[in-house]
Amino acid sequence: MKVLLPMSKGKEVSQAELSDIIGKSQVTLRAWEREGMPVLSKAGKGRASTYNTVEVIEWMEARLISKFAASKEDDTDVVSEDEGRRRKIVAEAKLAELKLAVESGELVEIEAVGVEVDTVLSSVRARLLAIPGTLALTLTNEPDPSVVRDRVFDEISGALNELSAADLGRSSEATGASEAIEA
């Protein structure tokens, strides 16, 4: 909101006087001159610059307003009410899609899968590590290398089949994912 004051032509002042009036250093005033602050007469040999107080104050106001407007344009955290509603609708739709994917079994909670993978891999590891001890007793006196090879192959295949038969992420723990999404 702009306050209307009686028309004033301002006062012609020197750089030192303007510095006192607006509370800014003469160095700042010279920098502002380079940025476009209005000057009645530029400093010359032995003469200081002179300024019109009203013109300078109006320039300062315009400068502040433009800086404020530019900062608002750069402010990505501020969104319009319509944009806020749109984002909320999009988020709700994504959440509904996630719930549907969990309920249909297309999506499972990573923690549940991790627990199941650990369990299955531990079982397969134990089974593979037991092969030498299991076969050592039965194959110690086996003269036929093909029989030894077939028995080792069968034991390893059994352990790997156990791994491939695991139903990771489709157990009752996976239903907990839908509850986690709803929270």
N, C-alpha and C. Protein backbone atom coordinates (compact mmCIF):
# COMPACT_ATOMS: atom_id res chain seq x y z
N MET A 1 0.85 -1.17 0.00
CA MET A 1 0.00 0.00 0.00
C MET A 1 0.89 1.23 0.00
N LYS A 2 0.60 2.15 -0.87
CA LYS A 2 1.41 3.36 -0.99
C LYS A 2 0.67 4.51 -0.31
N VAL A 3 1.36 5.21 0.55
CA VAL A 3 0.77 6.35 1.25
C VAL A 3 0.99 7.58 0.40
N LEU A 4 -0.09 8.31 0.17
CA LEU A 4 0.01 9.52 -0.64
C LEU A 4 0.32 10.71 0.26
N LEU A 5 1.36 11.39 -0.07
CA LEU A 5 1.77 12.58 0.68
C LEU A 5 1.63 13.78 -0.23
N PRO A 6 1.56 14.95 0.36
CA PRO A 6 1.51 16.14 -0.49
C PRO A 6 2.73 16.18 -1.40
N MET A 7 2.53 16.63 -2.61
CA MET A 7 3.61 16.67 -3.58
C MET A 7 4.76 17.52 -3.05
N SER A 8 5.92 16.93 -3.10
CA SER A 8 7.10 17.65 -2.67
C SER A 8 8.15 17.47 -3.75
N LYS A 9 8.84 18.52 -4.02
CA LYS A 9 9.86 18.44 -5.05
C LYS A 9 11.16 17.90 -4.47
N GLY A 10 11.23 17.75 -3.17
CA GLY A 10 12.44 17.29 -2.54
C GLY A 10 13.41 18.42 -2.33
N LYS A 11 14.54 18.06 -1.80
CA LYS A 11 15.57 19.05 -1.49
C LYS A 11 16.85 18.61 -2.16
N GLU A 12 17.57 19.55 -2.72
CA GLU A 12 18.86 19.24 -3.32
C GLU A 12 19.90 19.21 -2.20
N VAL A 13 20.60 18.04 -2.11
CA VAL A 13 21.57 17.87 -1.02
C VAL A 13 22.87 17.31 -1.57
N SER A 14 23.93 17.50 -0.79
CA SER A 14 25.23 16.94 -1.17
C SER A 14 25.28 15.47 -0.74
N GLN A 15 26.33 14.80 -1.16
CA GLN A 15 26.50 13.40 -0.79
C GLN A 15 26.61 13.24 0.72
N ALA A 16 27.33 14.12 1.38
CA ALA A 16 27.48 14.05 2.84
C ALA A 16 26.13 14.26 3.53
N GLU A 17 25.34 15.23 3.03
CA GLU A 17 24.03 15.49 3.63
C GLU A 17 23.09 14.31 3.41
N LEU A 18 23.10 13.73 2.20
CA LEU A 18 22.24 12.58 1.91
C LEU A 18 22.64 11.39 2.79
N SER A 19 23.93 11.24 2.99
CA SER A 19 24.43 10.17 3.85
C SER A 19 23.85 10.31 5.25
N ASP A 20 23.82 11.53 5.78
CA ASP A 20 23.25 11.78 7.11
C ASP A 20 21.74 11.54 7.12
N ILE A 21 21.04 11.96 6.07
CA ILE A 21 19.58 11.86 6.02
C ILE A 21 19.12 10.40 6.00
N ILE A 22 19.75 9.58 5.16
CA ILE A 22 19.26 8.20 5.02
C ILE A 22 20.06 7.19 5.84
N GLY A 23 21.11 7.64 6.48
CA GLY A 23 21.88 6.75 7.35
C GLY A 23 22.74 5.74 6.63
N LYS A 24 23.21 6.08 5.45
CA LYS A 24 24.10 5.20 4.69
C LYS A 24 25.41 5.92 4.44
N SER A 25 26.48 5.13 4.32
CA SER A 25 27.79 5.74 4.10
C SER A 25 27.91 6.30 2.69
N GLN A 26 28.89 7.19 2.52
CA GLN A 26 29.13 7.76 1.20
C GLN A 26 29.62 6.69 0.22
N VAL A 27 30.30 5.69 0.73
CA VAL A 27 30.76 4.58 -0.12
C VAL A 27 29.53 3.84 -0.69
N THR A 28 28.53 3.62 0.17
CA THR A 28 27.29 2.96 -0.27
C THR A 28 26.59 3.81 -1.31
N LEU A 29 26.55 5.12 -1.09
CA LEU A 29 25.89 6.02 -2.05
C LEU A 29 26.57 5.96 -3.41
N ARG A 30 27.91 5.90 -3.42
CA ARG A 30 28.62 5.81 -4.70
C ARG A 30 28.31 4.47 -5.39
N ALA A 31 28.23 3.41 -4.61
CA ALA A 31 27.88 2.10 -5.19
C ALA A 31 26.46 2.14 -5.76
N TRP A 32 25.55 2.80 -5.05
CA TRP A 32 24.18 2.91 -5.53
C TRP A 32 24.10 3.75 -6.81
N GLU A 33 24.98 4.74 -6.92
CA GLU A 33 25.02 5.53 -8.15
C GLU A 33 25.31 4.61 -9.34
N ARG A 34 26.26 3.70 -9.14
CA ARG A 34 26.61 2.76 -10.21
C ARG A 34 25.44 1.82 -10.53
N GLU A 35 24.54 1.61 -9.54
CA GLU A 35 23.37 0.75 -9.74
C GLU A 35 22.19 1.52 -10.33
N GLY A 36 22.34 2.83 -10.49
CA GLY A 36 21.27 3.60 -11.12
C GLY A 36 20.54 4.59 -10.24
N MET A 37 21.05 4.85 -9.05
CA MET A 37 20.40 5.85 -8.19
C MET A 37 20.47 7.21 -8.88
N PRO A 38 19.35 7.97 -8.87
CA PRO A 38 19.35 9.27 -9.57
C PRO A 38 20.30 10.29 -8.93
N VAL A 39 21.03 10.99 -9.79
CA VAL A 39 21.99 12.01 -9.36
C VAL A 39 21.67 13.29 -10.12
N LEU A 40 21.59 14.41 -9.38
CA LEU A 40 21.36 15.70 -10.05
C LEU A 40 22.60 16.14 -10.79
N SER A 41 23.75 16.09 -10.10
CA SER A 41 25.01 16.44 -10.77
C SER A 41 26.09 15.52 -10.22
N LYS A 42 26.87 14.99 -11.14
CA LYS A 42 27.94 14.07 -10.76
C LYS A 42 29.10 14.85 -10.17
N ALA A 43 29.83 14.15 -9.34
CA ALA A 43 31.00 14.78 -8.72
C ALA A 43 32.01 15.11 -9.81
N GLY A 44 32.66 16.23 -9.64
CA GLY A 44 33.68 16.65 -10.60
C GLY A 44 34.89 17.13 -9.83
N LYS A 45 35.71 17.93 -10.47
CA LYS A 45 36.91 18.44 -9.81
C LYS A 45 36.52 19.32 -8.63
N GLY A 46 36.77 18.80 -7.44
CA GLY A 46 36.50 19.58 -6.24
C GLY A 46 35.03 19.72 -5.90
N ARG A 47 34.16 19.06 -6.63
CA ARG A 47 32.72 19.17 -6.34
C ARG A 47 32.18 17.79 -5.99
N ALA A 48 31.27 17.74 -5.01
CA ALA A 48 30.61 16.49 -4.63
C ALA A 48 29.36 16.33 -5.47
N SER A 49 28.89 15.10 -5.58
CA SER A 49 27.63 14.85 -6.28
C SER A 49 26.49 15.47 -5.50
N THR A 50 25.43 15.85 -6.22
CA THR A 50 24.24 16.36 -5.54
C THR A 50 23.05 15.49 -5.93
N TYR A 51 22.09 15.42 -5.00
CA TYR A 51 20.95 14.51 -5.16
C TYR A 51 19.67 15.22 -4.78
N ASN A 52 18.55 14.74 -5.34
CA ASN A 52 17.23 15.20 -4.93
C ASN A 52 16.71 14.14 -3.95
N THR A 53 16.38 14.55 -2.74
CA THR A 53 16.00 13.59 -1.68
C THR A 53 14.77 12.76 -2.07
N VAL A 54 13.76 13.37 -2.67
CA VAL A 54 12.55 12.62 -3.05
C VAL A 54 12.88 11.57 -4.11
N GLU A 55 13.66 11.96 -5.11
CA GLU A 55 14.02 11.01 -6.17
C GLU A 55 14.81 9.83 -5.61
N VAL A 56 15.74 10.12 -4.70
CA VAL A 56 16.56 9.05 -4.11
C VAL A 56 15.70 8.11 -3.28
N ILE A 57 14.80 8.67 -2.46
CA ILE A 57 13.95 7.82 -1.61
C ILE A 57 13.01 6.97 -2.47
N GLU A 58 12.45 7.55 -3.53
CA GLU A 58 11.59 6.77 -4.43
C GLU A 58 12.39 5.66 -5.11
N TRP A 59 13.64 5.96 -5.48
CA TRP A 59 14.50 4.94 -6.09
C TRP A 59 14.78 3.81 -5.10
N MET A 60 15.04 4.18 -3.83
CA MET A 60 15.30 3.17 -2.80
C MET A 60 14.06 2.28 -2.60
N GLU A 61 12.87 2.88 -2.58
CA GLU A 61 11.63 2.10 -2.43
C GLU A 61 11.46 1.13 -3.59
N ALA A 62 11.66 1.63 -4.81
CA ALA A 62 11.50 0.78 -6.00
C ALA A 62 12.51 -0.37 -5.97
N ARG A 63 13.72 -0.06 -5.53
CA ARG A 63 14.78 -1.07 -5.45
C ARG A 63 14.40 -2.16 -4.45
N LEU A 64 13.89 -1.77 -3.28
CA LEU A 64 13.47 -2.75 -2.27
C LEU A 64 12.32 -3.60 -2.78
N ILE A 65 11.35 -2.97 -3.43
CA ILE A 65 10.20 -3.70 -3.95
C ILE A 65 10.64 -4.72 -5.00
N SER A 66 11.53 -4.32 -5.89
CA SER A 66 11.98 -5.25 -6.93
C SER A 66 12.80 -6.39 -6.33
N LYS A 67 13.62 -6.11 -5.31
CA LYS A 67 14.38 -7.18 -4.65
C LYS A 67 13.44 -8.14 -3.94
N PHE A 68 12.40 -7.61 -3.29
CA PHE A 68 11.43 -8.45 -2.59
C PHE A 68 10.68 -9.32 -3.60
N ALA A 69 10.26 -8.73 -4.71
CA ALA A 69 9.54 -9.49 -5.73
C ALA A 69 10.43 -10.58 -6.32
N ALA A 70 11.69 -10.27 -6.55
CA ALA A 70 12.62 -11.27 -7.10
C ALA A 70 12.82 -12.40 -6.11
N SER A 71 12.90 -12.08 -4.81
CA SER A 71 13.08 -13.14 -3.82
C SER A 71 11.85 -14.03 -3.74
N LYS A 72 10.66 -13.48 -3.96
CA LYS A 72 9.44 -14.28 -3.96
C LYS A 72 9.41 -15.23 -5.15
N GLU A 73 9.91 -14.77 -6.31
CA GLU A 73 9.94 -15.62 -7.49
C GLU A 73 10.89 -16.78 -7.29
N ASP A 74 11.99 -16.56 -6.56
CA ASP A 74 12.98 -17.60 -6.32
C ASP A 74 12.57 -18.52 -5.19
N ASP A 75 11.55 -18.17 -4.42
CA ASP A 75 11.15 -18.95 -3.25
C ASP A 75 10.34 -20.16 -3.70
N THR A 76 11.01 -21.33 -3.77
CA THR A 76 10.32 -22.53 -4.24
C THR A 76 9.47 -23.17 -3.16
N ASP A 77 9.60 -22.75 -1.91
CA ASP A 77 8.80 -23.32 -0.84
C ASP A 77 7.39 -22.76 -0.82
N VAL A 78 7.19 -21.62 -1.42
CA VAL A 78 5.88 -20.98 -1.42
C VAL A 78 5.14 -21.39 -2.68
N VAL A 79 3.94 -21.98 -2.50
CA VAL A 79 3.13 -22.39 -3.64
C VAL A 79 1.73 -21.82 -3.48
N SER A 80 1.04 -21.72 -4.58
CA SER A 80 -0.33 -21.20 -4.54
C SER A 80 -1.24 -22.24 -3.89
N GLU A 81 -2.40 -21.77 -3.51
CA GLU A 81 -3.38 -22.67 -2.89
C GLU A 81 -3.80 -23.76 -3.88
N ASP A 82 -3.99 -23.39 -5.14
CA ASP A 82 -4.36 -24.38 -6.17
C ASP A 82 -3.26 -25.41 -6.36
N GLU A 83 -2.01 -24.96 -6.38
CA GLU A 83 -0.88 -25.88 -6.53
C GLU A 83 -0.80 -26.80 -5.31
N GLY A 84 -1.05 -26.27 -4.13
CA GLY A 84 -1.06 -27.09 -2.92
C GLY A 84 -2.12 -28.18 -2.99
N ARG A 85 -3.32 -27.82 -3.45
CA ARG A 85 -4.40 -28.81 -3.60
C ARG A 85 -4.02 -29.87 -4.63
N ARG A 86 -3.43 -29.42 -5.74
CA ARG A 86 -3.03 -30.37 -6.78
C ARG A 86 -2.00 -31.36 -6.25
N ARG A 87 -1.02 -30.86 -5.50
CA ARG A 87 0.01 -31.73 -4.93
C ARG A 87 -0.60 -32.73 -3.95
N LYS A 88 -1.56 -32.27 -3.17
CA LYS A 88 -2.22 -33.17 -2.20
C LYS A 88 -2.96 -34.28 -2.93
N ILE A 89 -3.67 -33.94 -4.00
CA ILE A 89 -4.42 -34.94 -4.77
C ILE A 89 -3.46 -35.96 -5.39
N VAL A 90 -2.35 -35.47 -5.93
CA VAL A 90 -1.35 -36.37 -6.53
C VAL A 90 -0.78 -37.31 -5.46
N ALA A 91 -0.46 -36.77 -4.28
CA ALA A 91 0.09 -37.60 -3.21
C ALA A 91 -0.92 -38.65 -2.76
N GLU A 92 -2.19 -38.27 -2.63
CA GLU A 92 -3.22 -39.22 -2.23
C GLU A 92 -3.38 -40.32 -3.28
N ALA A 93 -3.30 -39.96 -4.56
CA ALA A 93 -3.41 -40.96 -5.63
C ALA A 93 -2.24 -41.93 -5.59
N LYS A 94 -1.03 -41.41 -5.36
CA LYS A 94 0.15 -42.29 -5.27
C LYS A 94 0.03 -43.23 -4.08
N LEU A 95 -0.47 -42.73 -2.96
CA LEU A 95 -0.65 -43.56 -1.77
C LEU A 95 -1.67 -44.66 -2.05
N ALA A 96 -2.76 -44.33 -2.73
CA ALA A 96 -3.77 -45.34 -3.08
C ALA A 96 -3.18 -46.40 -4.00
N GLU A 97 -2.34 -45.99 -4.95
CA GLU A 97 -1.69 -46.95 -5.85
C GLU A 97 -0.77 -47.88 -5.07
N LEU A 98 -0.03 -47.34 -4.10
CA LEU A 98 0.85 -48.17 -3.27
C LEU A 98 0.05 -49.20 -2.48
N LYS A 99 -1.06 -48.75 -1.88
CA LYS A 99 -1.90 -49.67 -1.10
C LYS A 99 -2.42 -50.80 -1.99
N LEU A 100 -2.87 -50.45 -3.20
CA LEU A 100 -3.38 -51.45 -4.13
C LEU A 100 -2.28 -52.43 -4.53
N ALA A 101 -1.08 -51.94 -4.77
CA ALA A 101 0.04 -52.80 -5.14
C ALA A 101 0.39 -53.76 -4.01
N VAL A 102 0.32 -53.30 -2.77
CA VAL A 102 0.59 -54.17 -1.62
C VAL A 102 -0.49 -55.23 -1.51
N GLU A 103 -1.75 -54.80 -1.61
CA GLU A 103 -2.87 -55.74 -1.48
C GLU A 103 -2.86 -56.80 -2.58
N SER A 104 -2.43 -56.43 -3.77
CA SER A 104 -2.40 -57.40 -4.88
C SER A 104 -1.13 -58.24 -4.86
N GLY A 105 -0.21 -57.96 -3.95
CA GLY A 105 1.01 -58.75 -3.85
C GLY A 105 2.11 -58.30 -4.79
N GLU A 106 1.91 -57.20 -5.50
CA GLU A 106 2.94 -56.69 -6.41
C GLU A 106 4.04 -55.96 -5.67
N LEU A 107 3.75 -55.53 -4.47
CA LEU A 107 4.70 -54.75 -3.68
C LEU A 107 4.76 -55.33 -2.28
N VAL A 108 5.97 -55.52 -1.78
CA VAL A 108 6.13 -56.05 -0.43
C VAL A 108 7.07 -55.14 0.36
N GLU A 109 6.96 -55.24 1.65
CA GLU A 109 7.80 -54.43 2.53
C GLU A 109 9.21 -54.99 2.51
N ILE A 110 10.18 -54.13 2.31
CA ILE A 110 11.56 -54.58 2.15
C ILE A 110 12.10 -55.27 3.41
N GLU A 111 11.66 -54.83 4.58
CA GLU A 111 12.12 -55.47 5.81
C GLU A 111 11.65 -56.92 5.88
N ALA A 112 10.41 -57.18 5.44
CA ALA A 112 9.88 -58.54 5.46
C ALA A 112 10.66 -59.43 4.51
N VAL A 113 10.97 -58.92 3.33
CA VAL A 113 11.74 -59.70 2.37
C VAL A 113 13.14 -59.94 2.91
N GLY A 114 13.72 -58.94 3.53
CA GLY A 114 15.07 -59.09 4.09
C GLY A 114 15.13 -60.20 5.12
N VAL A 115 14.13 -60.27 5.99
CA VAL A 115 14.09 -61.32 7.01
C VAL A 115 13.97 -62.69 6.35
N GLU A 116 13.10 -62.79 5.35
CA GLU A 116 12.92 -64.07 4.66
C GLU A 116 14.18 -64.48 3.90
N VAL A 117 14.82 -63.54 3.24
CA VAL A 117 16.05 -63.85 2.51
C VAL A 117 17.12 -64.33 3.48
N ASP A 118 17.26 -63.67 4.60
CA ASP A 118 18.23 -64.10 5.61
C ASP A 118 17.95 -65.52 6.07
N THR A 119 16.68 -65.83 6.32
CA THR A 119 16.31 -67.17 6.79
C THR A 119 16.63 -68.23 5.74
N VAL A 120 16.23 -67.98 4.50
CA VAL A 120 16.47 -68.95 3.43
C VAL A 120 17.96 -69.12 3.17
N LEU A 121 18.69 -68.03 3.11
CA LEU A 121 20.13 -68.13 2.84
C LEU A 121 20.86 -68.83 3.98
N SER A 122 20.44 -68.61 5.19
CA SER A 122 21.05 -69.31 6.33
C SER A 122 20.80 -70.80 6.23
N SER A 123 19.59 -71.19 5.83
CA SER A 123 19.25 -72.60 5.67
C SER A 123 20.08 -73.24 4.55
N VAL A 124 20.18 -72.55 3.42
CA VAL A 124 20.95 -73.08 2.29
C VAL A 124 22.43 -73.16 2.65
N ARG A 125 22.92 -72.16 3.33
CA ARG A 125 24.33 -72.17 3.76
C ARG A 125 24.61 -73.36 4.67
N ALA A 126 23.73 -73.57 5.63
CA ALA A 126 23.91 -74.69 6.56
C ALA A 126 23.87 -76.02 5.80
N ARG A 127 22.95 -76.12 4.85
CA ARG A 127 22.83 -77.36 4.08
C ARG A 127 24.08 -77.60 3.22
N LEU A 128 24.59 -76.53 2.58
CA LEU A 128 25.80 -76.68 1.76
C LEU A 128 27.02 -77.04 2.61
N LEU A 129 27.12 -76.41 3.77
CA LEU A 129 28.26 -76.72 4.64
C LEU A 129 28.19 -78.13 5.23
N ALA A 130 27.00 -78.70 5.28
CA ALA A 130 26.84 -80.05 5.82
C ALA A 130 27.16 -81.14 4.79
N ILE A 131 27.24 -80.78 3.53
CA ILE A 131 27.47 -81.77 2.47
C ILE A 131 28.75 -82.58 2.69
N PRO A 132 29.88 -81.96 2.95
CA PRO A 132 31.09 -82.78 3.13
C PRO A 132 30.95 -83.81 4.25
N GLY A 133 30.39 -83.39 5.37
CA GLY A 133 30.23 -84.34 6.49
C GLY A 133 29.26 -85.45 6.17
N THR A 134 28.16 -85.11 5.49
CA THR A 134 27.15 -86.11 5.14
C THR A 134 27.70 -87.11 4.14
N LEU A 135 28.37 -86.62 3.12
CA LEU A 135 28.86 -87.50 2.07
C LEU A 135 30.14 -88.23 2.45
N ALA A 136 30.91 -87.68 3.34
CA ALA A 136 32.17 -88.33 3.73
C ALA A 136 31.92 -89.71 4.30
N LEU A 137 30.88 -89.86 5.09
CA LEU A 137 30.59 -91.16 5.70
C LEU A 137 30.10 -92.17 4.66
N THR A 138 29.27 -91.72 3.73
CA THR A 138 28.69 -92.67 2.77
C THR A 138 29.57 -92.92 1.56
N LEU A 139 30.46 -92.00 1.25
CA LEU A 139 31.26 -92.15 0.03
C LEU A 139 32.74 -92.45 0.28
N THR A 140 33.08 -92.69 1.51
CA THR A 140 34.49 -92.92 1.84
C THR A 140 35.07 -94.08 1.04
N ASN A 141 34.33 -95.13 0.92
CA ASN A 141 34.84 -96.33 0.23
C ASN A 141 34.30 -96.47 -1.18
N GLU A 142 33.74 -95.41 -1.73
CA GLU A 142 33.16 -95.48 -3.08
C GLU A 142 34.28 -95.37 -4.11
N PRO A 143 34.49 -96.42 -4.89
CA PRO A 143 35.58 -96.41 -5.87
C PRO A 143 35.20 -95.68 -7.17
N ASP A 144 33.91 -95.54 -7.45
CA ASP A 144 33.48 -94.96 -8.73
C ASP A 144 33.34 -93.44 -8.62
N PRO A 145 34.20 -92.67 -9.30
CA PRO A 145 34.13 -91.21 -9.22
C PRO A 145 32.81 -90.64 -9.72
N SER A 146 32.17 -91.30 -10.68
CA SER A 146 30.90 -90.78 -11.19
C SER A 146 29.81 -90.85 -10.13
N VAL A 147 29.85 -91.86 -9.28
CA VAL A 147 28.87 -91.98 -8.19
C VAL A 147 29.11 -90.85 -7.19
N VAL A 148 30.38 -90.59 -6.88
CA VAL A 148 30.72 -89.51 -5.95
C VAL A 148 30.25 -88.17 -6.53
N ARG A 149 30.56 -87.98 -7.80
CA ARG A 149 30.15 -86.72 -8.44
C ARG A 149 28.63 -86.58 -8.45
N ASP A 150 27.90 -87.63 -8.78
CA ASP A 150 26.43 -87.57 -8.82
C ASP A 150 25.85 -87.28 -7.44
N ARG A 151 26.39 -87.89 -6.40
CA ARG A 151 25.88 -87.66 -5.04
C ARG A 151 26.15 -86.22 -4.59
N VAL A 152 27.33 -85.69 -4.91
CA VAL A 152 27.65 -84.30 -4.56
C VAL A 152 26.72 -83.37 -5.34
N PHE A 153 26.53 -83.66 -6.62
CA PHE A 153 25.63 -82.85 -7.45
C PHE A 153 24.21 -82.87 -6.89
N ASP A 154 23.73 -84.05 -6.50
CA ASP A 154 22.37 -84.17 -5.95
C ASP A 154 22.21 -83.35 -4.67
N GLU A 155 23.19 -83.40 -3.80
CA GLU A 155 23.12 -82.64 -2.54
C GLU A 155 23.11 -81.13 -2.81
N ILE A 156 23.98 -80.68 -3.69
CA ILE A 156 24.04 -79.24 -4.02
C ILE A 156 22.76 -78.82 -4.72
N SER A 157 22.26 -79.63 -5.63
CA SER A 157 21.00 -79.31 -6.33
C SER A 157 19.85 -79.21 -5.34
N GLY A 158 19.81 -80.11 -4.36
CA GLY A 158 18.75 -80.06 -3.35
C GLY A 158 18.78 -78.75 -2.57
N ALA A 159 19.98 -78.31 -2.20
CA ALA A 159 20.10 -77.04 -1.46
C ALA A 159 19.68 -75.86 -2.33
N LEU A 160 20.08 -75.88 -3.60
CA LEU A 160 19.71 -74.79 -4.50
C LEU A 160 18.21 -74.81 -4.83
N ASN A 161 17.63 -75.98 -4.93
CA ASN A 161 16.18 -76.07 -5.15
C ASN A 161 15.41 -75.50 -3.96
N GLU A 162 15.94 -75.72 -2.78
CA GLU A 162 15.32 -75.13 -1.58
C GLU A 162 15.33 -73.61 -1.67
N LEU A 163 16.41 -73.06 -2.19
CA LEU A 163 16.51 -71.61 -2.37
C LEU A 163 15.51 -71.12 -3.42
N SER A 164 15.43 -71.81 -4.55
CA SER A 164 14.52 -71.35 -5.61
C SER A 164 13.06 -71.57 -5.26
N ALA A 165 12.77 -72.48 -4.34
CA ALA A 165 11.38 -72.74 -3.95
C ALA A 165 10.89 -71.73 -2.91
N ALA A 166 11.79 -70.93 -2.38
CA ALA A 166 11.39 -69.96 -1.35
C ALA A 166 10.42 -68.95 -1.95
N ASP A 167 9.36 -68.66 -1.21
CA ASP A 167 8.32 -67.72 -1.67
C ASP A 167 8.57 -66.38 -0.97
N LEU A 168 9.62 -65.71 -1.40
CA LEU A 168 10.03 -64.47 -0.73
C LEU A 168 9.03 -63.36 -0.93
N GLY A 169 8.65 -62.71 0.17
CA GLY A 169 7.78 -61.55 0.11
C GLY A 169 6.32 -61.86 -0.06
N ARG A 170 5.93 -63.09 -0.17
CA ARG A 170 4.53 -63.43 -0.39
C ARG A 170 3.91 -64.09 0.84
N SER A 171 4.64 -64.08 1.94
CA SER A 171 4.12 -64.71 3.15
C SER A 171 3.19 -63.77 3.89
N SER A 172 2.76 -64.20 5.06
CA SER A 172 1.84 -63.38 5.86
C SER A 172 2.51 -62.10 6.34
N GLU A 173 3.84 -62.08 6.39
CA GLU A 173 4.54 -60.86 6.81
C GLU A 173 4.35 -59.75 5.78
N ALA A 174 4.13 -60.11 4.53
CA ALA A 174 3.97 -59.09 3.49
C ALA A 174 2.70 -58.30 3.67
N THR A 175 1.70 -58.89 4.31
CA THR A 175 0.47 -58.14 4.54
C THR A 175 0.69 -57.01 5.52
N GLY A 176 1.74 -57.09 6.30
CA GLY A 176 2.07 -56.00 7.21
C GLY A 176 2.48 -54.74 6.47
N ALA A 177 2.89 -54.89 5.22
CA ALA A 177 3.29 -53.72 4.44
C ALA A 177 2.11 -52.80 4.19
N SER A 178 0.92 -53.39 3.95
CA SER A 178 -0.25 -52.53 3.72
C SER A 178 -0.61 -51.77 4.98
N GLU A 179 -0.41 -52.39 6.12
CA GLU A 179 -0.68 -51.69 7.38
C GLU A 179 0.33 -50.57 7.59
N ALA A 180 1.59 -50.79 7.18
CA ALA A 180 2.62 -49.76 7.33
C ALA A 180 2.33 -48.58 6.42
N ILE A 181 1.80 -48.82 5.23
CA ILE A 181 1.50 -47.72 4.31
C ILE A 181 0.33 -46.91 4.81
N GLU A 182 -0.65 -47.56 5.43
CA GLU A 182 -1.82 -46.85 5.93
C GLU A 182 -1.47 -45.94 7.09
N ALA A 183 -0.41 -46.27 7.82
CA ALA A 183 -0.05 -45.48 9.01
C ALA A 183 0.46 -44.12 8.65
